[in-house]
């Protein structure tokens, strides 16, 4: 008779252990799903940031190119203006010689 009472106790222990394991598995599954969702969210956030950085990079690159072109034009104009001054100086000298 003592064996009959032990069997239900071990059956209760087994069912309790089974429920505990099922609960642990459910919690583990929930954690894994949360981690997976966090990874997906982080990946999307990083992707968006990378896209934004690419846009900014190309914008800065275009601005840099425009500044180079602008500086090139200024350098050309400065060299042309120096030549104009030289021509004006020669013109004045020519005018001085003509007056004499």
C-alpha atoms as a PDB file:
ATOM      1  CA  UNK A   1       0.000   0.000   0.000  1.00  0.00           C
ATOM      2  CA  UNK A   2       2.838   2.355   0.620  1.00  0.00           C
ATOM      3  CA  UNK A   3       3.806   1.927  -3.035  1.00  0.00           C
ATOM      4  CA  UNK A   4       0.356   3.071  -4.147  1.00  0.00           C
ATOM      5  CA  UNK A   5       0.762   6.349  -2.305  1.00  0.00           C
ATOM      6  CA  UNK A   6       4.221   6.932  -3.678  1.00  0.00           C
ATOM      7  CA  UNK A   7       3.115   6.576  -7.305  1.00  0.00           C
ATOM      8  CA  UNK A   8       0.643   9.468  -7.247  1.00  0.00           C
ATOM      9  CA  UNK A   9       3.242  11.606  -5.490  1.00  0.00           C
ATOM     10  CA  UNK A  10       5.814  10.890  -8.184  1.00  0.00           C
ATOM     11  CA  UNK A  11       3.145  11.525 -10.841  1.00  0.00           C
ATOM     12  CA  UNK A  12       2.411  14.898  -9.233  1.00  0.00           C
ATOM     13  CA  UNK A  13       6.105  15.672  -9.084  1.00  0.00           C
ATOM     14  CA  UNK A  14       6.481  14.694 -12.757  1.00  0.00           C
ATOM     15  CA  UNK A  15       3.523  16.800 -13.849  1.00  0.00           C
ATOM     16  CA  UNK A  16       4.820  19.733 -11.753  1.00  0.00           C
ATOM     17  CA  UNK A  17       8.264  19.351 -13.285  1.00  0.00           C
ATOM     18  CA  UNK A  18       6.689  19.121 -16.737  1.00  0.00           C
ATOM     19  CA  UNK A  19       4.677  22.306 -16.132  1.00  0.00           C
ATOM     20  CA  UNK A  20       7.776  24.054 -14.758  1.00  0.00           C
ATOM     21  CA  UNK A  21       9.768  23.047 -17.832  1.00  0.00           C
ATOM     22  CA  UNK A  22       6.945  24.151 -20.139  1.00  0.00           C
ATOM     23  CA  UNK A  23       6.830  27.507 -18.334  1.00  0.00           C
ATOM     24  CA  UNK A  24      10.612  27.876 -18.606  1.00  0.00           C
ATOM     25  CA  UNK A  25      10.440  27.028 -22.301  1.00  0.00           C
ATOM     26  CA  UNK A  26       7.630  29.542 -22.815  1.00  0.00           C
ATOM     27  CA  UNK A  27       9.631  32.244 -21.011  1.00  0.00           C
ATOM     28  CA  UNK A  28      12.727  31.347 -23.023  1.00  0.00           C
ATOM     29  CA  UNK A  29      10.717  31.539 -26.237  1.00  0.00           C
ATOM     30  CA  UNK A  30       9.351  34.950 -25.235  1.00  0.00           C
ATOM     31  CA  UNK A  31      12.875  36.183 -24.458  1.00  0.00           C
ATOM     32  CA  UNK A  32      14.174  34.906 -27.786  1.00  0.00           C
ATOM     33  CA  UNK A  33      11.323  36.640 -29.610  1.00  0.00           C
ATOM     34  CA  UNK A  34      12.041  39.894 -27.764  1.00  0.00           C
ATOM     35  CA  UNK A  35      15.749  39.638 -28.542  1.00  0.00           C
ATOM     36  CA  UNK A  36      14.958  38.898 -32.190  1.00  0.00           C
ATOM     37  CA  UNK A  37      12.614  41.872 -32.393  1.00  0.00           C
ATOM     38  CA  UNK A  38      15.220  44.085 -30.734  1.00  0.00           C
ATOM     39  CA  UNK A  39      17.796  42.953 -33.289  1.00  0.00           C
ATOM     40  CA  UNK A  40      15.416  43.668 -36.169  1.00  0.00           C
ATOM     41  CA  UNK A  41      14.597  47.106 -34.736  1.00  0.00           C
ATOM     42  CA  UNK A  42      18.286  47.886 -34.203  1.00  0.00           C
ATOM     43  CA  UNK A  43      19.127  46.737 -37.731  1.00  0.00           C
ATOM     44  CA  UNK A  44      16.408  48.971 -39.201  1.00  0.00           C
ATOM     45  CA  UNK A  45      17.615  51.895 -37.095  1.00  0.00           C
ATOM     46  CA  UNK A  46      21.223  51.337 -38.201  1.00  0.00           C
ATOM     47  CA  UNK A  47      20.138  51.019 -41.833  1.00  0.00           C
ATOM     48  CA  UNK A  48      18.232  54.306 -41.612  1.00  0.00           C
ATOM     49  CA  UNK A  49      21.207  56.032 -40.001  1.00  0.00           C
ATOM     50  CA  UNK A  50      23.550  54.684 -42.679  1.00  0.00           C
ATOM     51  CA  UNK A  51      21.216  55.913 -45.416  1.00  0.00           C
ATOM     52  CA  UNK A  52      21.089  59.348 -43.782  1.00  0.00           C
ATOM     53  CA  UNK A  53      24.881  59.428 -43.489  1.00  0.00           C
ATOM     54  CA  UNK A  54      25.187  58.480 -47.171  1.00  0.00           C
ATOM     55  CA  UNK A  55      22.877  61.347 -48.130  1.00  0.00           C
ATOM     56  CA  UNK A  56      24.890  63.777 -46.014  1.00  0.00           C
ATOM     57  CA  UNK A  57      28.150  62.444 -47.471  1.00  0.00           C
ATOM     58  CA  UNK A  58      26.971  62.963 -51.049  1.00  0.00           C
ATOM     59  CA  UNK A  59      25.655  66.414 -50.173  1.00  0.00           C
ATOM     60  CA  UNK A  60      29.015  67.377 -48.649  1.00  0.00           C
ATOM     61  CA  UNK A  61      30.816  65.877 -51.628  1.00  0.00           C
ATOM     62  CA  UNK A  62      28.726  67.973 -54.035  1.00  0.00           C
ATOM     63  CA  UNK A  63      29.297  71.109 -51.958  1.00  0.00           C
ATOM     64  CA  UNK A  64      33.022  70.383 -51.928  1.00  0.00           C
ATOM     65  CA  UNK A  65      33.024  70.013 -55.710  1.00  0.00           C
ATOM     66  CA  UNK A  66      31.139  73.299 -56.107  1.00  0.00           C
ATOM     67  CA  UNK A  67      33.607  75.063 -53.803  1.00  0.00           C
ATOM     68  CA  UNK A  68      36.533  73.698 -55.811  1.00  0.00           C
ATOM     69  CA  UNK A  69      34.949  74.972 -59.029  1.00  0.00           C
ATOM     70  CA  UNK A  70      34.238  78.345 -57.410  1.00  0.00           C
ATOM     71  CA  UNK A  71      37.799  78.670 -56.159  1.00  0.00           C
ATOM     72  CA  UNK A  72      39.091  77.684 -59.601  1.00  0.00           C
ATOM     73  CA  UNK A  73      37.012  80.456 -61.190  1.00  0.00           C
ATOM     74  CA  UNK A  74      38.238  82.966 -58.614  1.00  0.00           C
ATOM     75  CA  UNK A  75      41.847  81.929 -59.270  1.00  0.00           C
ATOM     76  CA  UNK A  76      41.304  82.389 -63.008  1.00  0.00           C
ATOM     77  CA  UNK A  77      39.738  85.808 -62.472  1.00  0.00           C
ATOM     78  CA  UNK A  78      42.582  86.868 -60.210  1.00  0.00           C
ATOM     79  CA  UNK A  79      45.142  85.895 -62.790  1.00  0.00           C
ATOM     80  CA  UNK A  80      43.121  87.736 -65.467  1.00  0.00           C
ATOM     81  CA  UNK A  81      42.806  90.835 -63.310  1.00  0.00           C
ATOM     82  CA  UNK A  82      46.535  90.904 -62.742  1.00  0.00           C
ATOM     83  CA  UNK A  83      46.984  90.890 -66.486  1.00  0.00           C
ATOM     84  CA  UNK A  84      44.501  93.753 -66.811  1.00  0.00           C
ATOM     85  CA  UNK A  85      46.531  95.777 -64.354  1.00  0.00           C
ATOM     86  CA  UNK A  86      49.647  95.058 -66.356  1.00  0.00           C
ATOM     87  CA  UNK A  87      47.862  96.165 -69.534  1.00  0.00           C
ATOM     88  CA  UNK A  88      46.667  99.339 -67.829  1.00  0.00           C
ATOM     89  CA  UNK A  89      50.185 100.064 -66.660  1.00  0.00           C
ATOM     90  CA  UNK A  90      51.479  99.546 -70.186  1.00  0.00           C
ATOM     91  CA  UNK A  91      48.680 101.761 -71.491  1.00  0.00           C
ATOM     92  CA  UNK A  92      49.703 104.539 -69.119  1.00  0.00           C
ATOM     93  CA  UNK A  93      53.323 104.201 -70.173  1.00  0.00           C
ATOM     94  CA  UNK A  94      52.262 104.285 -73.794  1.00  0.00           C
ATOM     95  CA  UNK A  95      50.154 107.362 -73.116  1.00  0.00           C
ATOM     96  CA  UNK A  96      53.147 109.036 -71.441  1.00  0.00           C
ATOM     97  CA  UNK A  97      55.345 108.341 -74.433  1.00  0.00           C
ATOM     98  CA  UNK A  98      52.661 109.556 -76.799  1.00  0.00           C
ATOM     99  CA  UNK A  99      52.356 112.872 -75.005  1.00  0.00           C
ATOM    100  CA  UNK A 100      55.998 113.605 -75.373  1.00  0.00           C
END
